[in-house]
Amino acid sequence: MTTCYYLRKLLAQSANQLQSFIVEGAGIVADEKSDINHVLESLYLEELDISLMARDLEVIVQLQTILSRSTSTSSQPLGQLAKVERRIFWILGLKKTMR
């Protein structure tokens, strides 16, 4: 499963709970149809920052995939999974709200 596909799936699953914290018009708001590269390019101005955030997302998505599998087969706390998810959304300029 590619990182972009996984991110789009996660964004679709959480769509009604996500809110952008970026000033309106300052960047592309990520959703399940977004080109993740364009979102990162709109949020981070420096090429190095864009590359670092893209790499961070790749690593975090791998971690979340591992945590998701392990929580379904053991009693590992879901807190770690939620923390990783929050980090993914934060990188994309989003926060999860309680609705």
Protein backbone atom coordinates (compact mmCIF):
# COMPACT_ATOMS: atom_id res chain seq x y z
CA MET A 1 0.00 0.00 0.00
CA THR A 2 1.49 3.33 -1.00
CA THR A 3 1.78 6.23 1.40
CA CYS A 4 -0.47 8.52 -0.66
CA TYR A 5 -3.19 5.87 -0.94
CA TYR A 6 -3.05 5.23 2.80
CA LEU A 7 -3.21 8.96 3.56
CA ARG A 8 -6.20 9.45 1.27
CA LYS A 9 -7.96 6.51 2.91
CA LEU A 10 -7.24 7.96 6.38
CA LEU A 11 -8.45 11.39 5.27
CA ALA A 12 -11.66 9.88 3.87
CA GLN A 13 -12.34 7.94 7.08
CA SER A 14 -11.86 11.05 9.23
CA ALA A 15 -13.28 13.68 6.86
CA ASN A 16 -16.15 14.80 9.09
CA GLN A 17 -13.80 15.18 12.08
CA LEU A 18 -11.00 17.19 10.46
CA GLN A 19 -10.48 20.92 10.49
CA SER A 20 -7.74 22.91 8.83
CA PHE A 21 -5.71 25.14 11.13
CA ILE A 22 -4.00 26.90 8.21
CA VAL A 23 -5.11 30.45 7.42
CA GLU A 24 -7.67 30.34 4.62
CA GLY A 25 -5.95 30.68 1.26
CA ALA A 26 -2.46 30.09 2.69
CA GLY A 27 -2.31 26.49 1.49
CA ILE A 28 -4.25 23.63 -0.01
CA VAL A 29 -6.57 21.92 2.46
CA ALA A 30 -5.89 18.19 2.36
CA ASP A 31 -8.73 15.80 1.67
CA GLU A 32 -9.13 12.31 0.22
CA LYS A 33 -8.84 13.64 -3.35
CA SER A 34 -5.79 15.84 -2.77
CA ASP A 35 -2.42 15.36 -4.36
CA ILE A 36 -0.41 15.00 -1.15
CA ASN A 37 2.72 16.40 -2.82
CA HIS A 38 0.85 19.57 -3.81
CA VAL A 39 -0.54 19.90 -0.29
CA LEU A 40 2.97 19.71 1.19
CA GLU A 41 4.34 22.15 -1.39
CA SER A 42 1.60 24.63 -0.50
CA LEU A 43 2.16 24.32 3.25
CA TYR A 44 5.95 24.28 3.40
CA LEU A 45 7.90 26.86 1.45
CA GLU A 46 11.43 25.48 1.65
CA GLU A 47 12.39 22.48 -0.50
CA LEU A 48 14.16 20.91 2.47
CA ASP A 49 11.05 21.23 4.66
CA ILE A 50 8.89 19.68 1.94
CA SER A 51 11.28 16.74 1.64
CA LEU A 52 11.49 16.29 5.40
CA MET A 53 7.71 16.33 5.84
CA ALA A 54 7.24 13.88 2.95
CA ARG A 55 9.80 11.52 4.49
CA ASP A 56 8.26 11.98 7.93
CA LEU A 57 4.85 11.01 6.51
CA GLU A 58 6.30 7.88 4.91
CA VAL A 59 7.84 6.77 8.21
CA ILE A 60 4.78 7.66 10.27
CA VAL A 61 2.42 5.84 7.89
CA GLN A 62 4.59 2.72 8.19
CA LEU A 63 4.50 3.05 11.98
CA GLN A 64 0.74 3.52 11.98
CA THR A 65 0.30 0.46 9.77
CA ILE A 66 2.34 -1.61 12.20
CA LEU A 67 0.45 -0.23 15.21
CA SER A 68 -2.91 -0.88 13.52
CA ARG A 69 -2.02 -4.51 12.94
CA SER A 70 -0.69 -5.01 16.45
CA THR A 71 -3.72 -3.41 18.15
CA SER A 72 -6.00 -5.79 16.29
CA THR A 73 -4.04 -8.81 17.56
CA SER A 74 -3.10 -7.69 21.06
CA SER A 75 -4.20 -5.42 23.87
CA GLN A 76 -1.73 -2.66 22.97
CA PRO A 77 -3.08 0.74 23.97
CA LEU A 78 -4.82 2.70 21.25
CA GLY A 79 -3.23 5.89 22.60
CA GLN A 80 -0.09 5.39 20.54
CA LEU A 81 -2.12 4.90 17.39
CA ALA A 82 -4.11 8.09 18.05
CA LYS A 83 -0.90 10.03 18.69
CA VAL A 84 0.58 8.88 15.39
CA GLU A 85 -2.64 9.77 13.59
CA ARG A 86 -2.61 13.27 15.11
CA ARG A 87 0.95 13.75 13.85
CA ILE A 88 -0.07 12.75 10.33
CA PHE A 89 -2.93 15.23 10.33
CA TRP A 90 -0.75 17.95 11.84
CA ILE A 91 1.83 17.62 9.04
CA LEU A 92 -1.05 18.03 6.57
CA GLY A 93 -2.30 21.18 8.31
CA LEU A 94 -5.27 19.47 9.94
CA LYS A 95 -6.49 18.69 13.42
CA LYS A 96 -9.10 16.23 14.52
CA THR A 97 -12.08 17.71 16.30
CA MET A 98 -14.67 16.01 18.46
CA ARG A 99 -18.00 16.21 16.67
